[in-house]
Amino acid sequence: MRPGELNEIVRARPFVPFRLHVTGGVTYDILNPEFILVGRSLAALLVRRDPNSPIFDLPSWVNLVHITQIEPLEVPTASAPPAPPQT
């Protein structure tokens, strides 16, 4: 993948979370544009093992030639609160 292509996806407004597929079957979910930096040949990713934690576990480096697919992720929408029970 060319860096400009990936950078367009990362900088799109509104940002759409996406799953990055790389060779070997590894995937990375990018839920925030601040979690990825795009370079000329590499992307630096901040990876969290626990998606509910604000603390990152480790950085990962992905060579752009190994990106095989980018898949948009569903954005959770705010749903209406449940109706009160009928009595």
C-alpha atoms as a PDB file:
ATOM      1  CA  MET A   1       0.000   0.000   0.000  1.00  0.00           C
ATOM      2  CA  ARG A   2       1.232   3.493  -0.772  1.00  0.00           C
ATOM      3  CA  PRO A   3       1.644   5.813   2.232  1.00  0.00           C
ATOM      4  CA  GLY A   4      -0.630   8.445   0.677  1.00  0.00           C
ATOM      5  CA  GLU A   5      -3.499   5.942   0.418  1.00  0.00           C
ATOM      6  CA  LEU A   6      -3.222   4.921   4.061  1.00  0.00           C
ATOM      7  CA  ASN A   7      -2.794   8.514   5.169  1.00  0.00           C
ATOM      8  CA  GLU A   8      -6.047   9.486   3.395  1.00  0.00           C
ATOM      9  CA  ILE A   9      -7.911   6.819   5.356  1.00  0.00           C
ATOM     10  CA  VAL A  10      -6.331   7.878   8.652  1.00  0.00           C
ATOM     11  CA  ARG A  11      -7.020  11.593   8.086  1.00  0.00           C
ATOM     12  CA  ALA A  12     -10.583  11.200   6.737  1.00  0.00           C
ATOM     13  CA  ARG A  13     -13.164  13.303   8.547  1.00  0.00           C
ATOM     14  CA  PRO A  14     -15.223  12.003  10.076  1.00  0.00           C
ATOM     15  CA  PHE A  15     -12.755   9.273  11.003  1.00  0.00           C
ATOM     16  CA  VAL A  16     -14.031   5.747  10.361  1.00  0.00           C
ATOM     17  CA  PRO A  17     -12.416   3.027  12.530  1.00  0.00           C
ATOM     18  CA  PHE A  18     -10.851   0.274  10.452  1.00  0.00           C
ATOM     19  CA  ARG A  19      -9.185  -3.122  10.635  1.00  0.00           C
ATOM     20  CA  LEU A  20      -5.758  -3.373   9.059  1.00  0.00           C
ATOM     21  CA  HIS A  21      -5.013  -6.835   7.592  1.00  0.00           C
ATOM     22  CA  VAL A  22      -1.380  -7.779   7.006  1.00  0.00           C
ATOM     23  CA  THR A  23       0.355 -10.793   5.511  1.00  0.00           C
ATOM     24  CA  GLY A  24       0.340 -13.817   7.778  1.00  0.00           C
ATOM     25  CA  GLY A  25      -3.275 -13.207   8.834  1.00  0.00           C
ATOM     26  CA  VAL A  26      -2.519 -10.652  11.562  1.00  0.00           C
ATOM     27  CA  THR A  27      -5.053  -7.849  12.036  1.00  0.00           C
ATOM     28  CA  TYR A  28      -4.963  -4.562  13.917  1.00  0.00           C
ATOM     29  CA  ASP A  29      -8.056  -2.537  14.826  1.00  0.00           C
ATOM     30  CA  ILE A  30      -7.443   1.188  14.486  1.00  0.00           C
ATOM     31  CA  LEU A  31     -10.169   2.823  16.577  1.00  0.00           C
ATOM     32  CA  ASN A  32      -8.703   6.321  16.711  1.00  0.00           C
ATOM     33  CA  PRO A  33      -6.489   8.199  14.220  1.00  0.00           C
ATOM     34  CA  GLU A  34      -4.072   8.965  17.047  1.00  0.00           C
ATOM     35  CA  PHE A  35      -3.247   5.248  17.264  1.00  0.00           C
ATOM     36  CA  ILE A  36      -1.387   5.176  13.920  1.00  0.00           C
ATOM     37  CA  LEU A  37       1.435   7.152  12.339  1.00  0.00           C
ATOM     38  CA  VAL A  38       2.074   6.664   8.627  1.00  0.00           C
ATOM     39  CA  GLY A  39       5.639   6.837   7.335  1.00  0.00           C
ATOM     40  CA  ARG A  40       7.109   6.359   3.864  1.00  0.00           C
ATOM     41  CA  SER A  41       7.442   2.594   4.224  1.00  0.00           C
ATOM     42  CA  LEU A  42       6.218   1.792   7.751  1.00  0.00           C
ATOM     43  CA  ALA A  43       3.200   2.447   9.918  1.00  0.00           C
ATOM     44  CA  ALA A  44       3.643   2.763  13.690  1.00  0.00           C
ATOM     45  CA  LEU A  45       0.655   1.384  15.602  1.00  0.00           C
ATOM     46  CA  LEU A  46      -0.189   1.710  19.276  1.00  0.00           C
ATOM     47  CA  VAL A  47      -1.691  -1.601  20.373  1.00  0.00           C
ATOM     48  CA  ARG A  48      -3.805  -2.308  23.449  1.00  0.00           C
ATOM     49  CA  ARG A  49      -4.505  -5.856  24.551  1.00  0.00           C
ATOM     50  CA  ASP A  50      -7.536  -4.644  26.510  1.00  0.00           C
ATOM     51  CA  PRO A  51      -9.666  -2.303  24.361  1.00  0.00           C
ATOM     52  CA  ASN A  52     -11.241  -0.821  27.506  1.00  0.00           C
ATOM     53  CA  SER A  53      -7.911   0.223  28.984  1.00  0.00           C
ATOM     54  CA  PRO A  54      -6.505   3.700  28.342  1.00  0.00           C
ATOM     55  CA  ILE A  55      -2.969   2.240  28.623  1.00  0.00           C
ATOM     56  CA  PHE A  56      -1.139   0.944  25.565  1.00  0.00           C
ATOM     57  CA  ASP A  57       0.769  -2.320  25.860  1.00  0.00           C
ATOM     58  CA  LEU A  58       3.234  -1.981  23.021  1.00  0.00           C
ATOM     59  CA  PRO A  59       3.984  -0.300  19.722  1.00  0.00           C
ATOM     60  CA  SER A  60       3.926  -2.345  16.526  1.00  0.00           C
ATOM     61  CA  TRP A  61       5.596  -1.587  13.234  1.00  0.00           C
ATOM     62  CA  VAL A  62       3.978  -2.671   9.979  1.00  0.00           C
ATOM     63  CA  ASN A  63       5.735  -2.462   6.637  1.00  0.00           C
ATOM     64  CA  LEU A  64       3.257  -0.925   4.190  1.00  0.00           C
ATOM     65  CA  VAL A  65       4.002  -3.597   1.552  1.00  0.00           C
ATOM     66  CA  HIS A  66       2.543  -6.176   3.958  1.00  0.00           C
ATOM     67  CA  ILE A  67      -0.883  -4.511   4.204  1.00  0.00           C
ATOM     68  CA  THR A  68      -3.287  -6.746   2.291  1.00  0.00           C
ATOM     69  CA  GLN A  69      -6.653  -5.192   3.130  1.00  0.00           C
ATOM     70  CA  ILE A  70      -8.307  -2.353   5.036  1.00  0.00           C
ATOM     71  CA  GLU A  71     -11.782  -3.104   6.338  1.00  0.00           C
ATOM     72  CA  PRO A  72     -14.045  -0.395   7.807  1.00  0.00           C
ATOM     73  CA  LEU A  73     -15.387  -1.286  11.242  1.00  0.00           C
ATOM     74  CA  GLU A  74     -18.945  -0.757  12.400  1.00  0.00           C
ATOM     75  CA  VAL A  75     -19.283   2.379  14.460  1.00  0.00           C
ATOM     76  CA  PRO A  76     -21.501   1.756  17.495  1.00  0.00           C
ATOM     77  CA  THR A  77     -24.502   4.056  17.428  1.00  0.00           C
ATOM     78  CA  ALA A  78     -26.258   5.428  20.443  1.00  0.00           C
ATOM     79  CA  SER A  79     -29.450   3.477  20.888  1.00  0.00           C
ATOM     80  CA  ALA A  80     -32.606   4.563  22.624  1.00  0.00           C
ATOM     81  CA  PRO A  81     -32.795   3.614  26.309  1.00  0.00           C
ATOM     82  CA  PRO A  82     -34.890   0.532  27.032  1.00  0.00           C
ATOM     83  CA  ALA A  83     -38.564   1.149  27.612  1.00  0.00           C
ATOM     84  CA  PRO A  84     -39.707   0.910  31.244  1.00  0.00           C
ATOM     85  CA  PRO A  85     -41.521  -2.310  32.127  1.00  0.00           C
ATOM     86  CA  GLN A  86     -45.270  -2.255  31.644  1.00  0.00           C
ATOM     87  CA  THR A  87     -47.325  -2.784  34.803  1.00  0.00           C
END
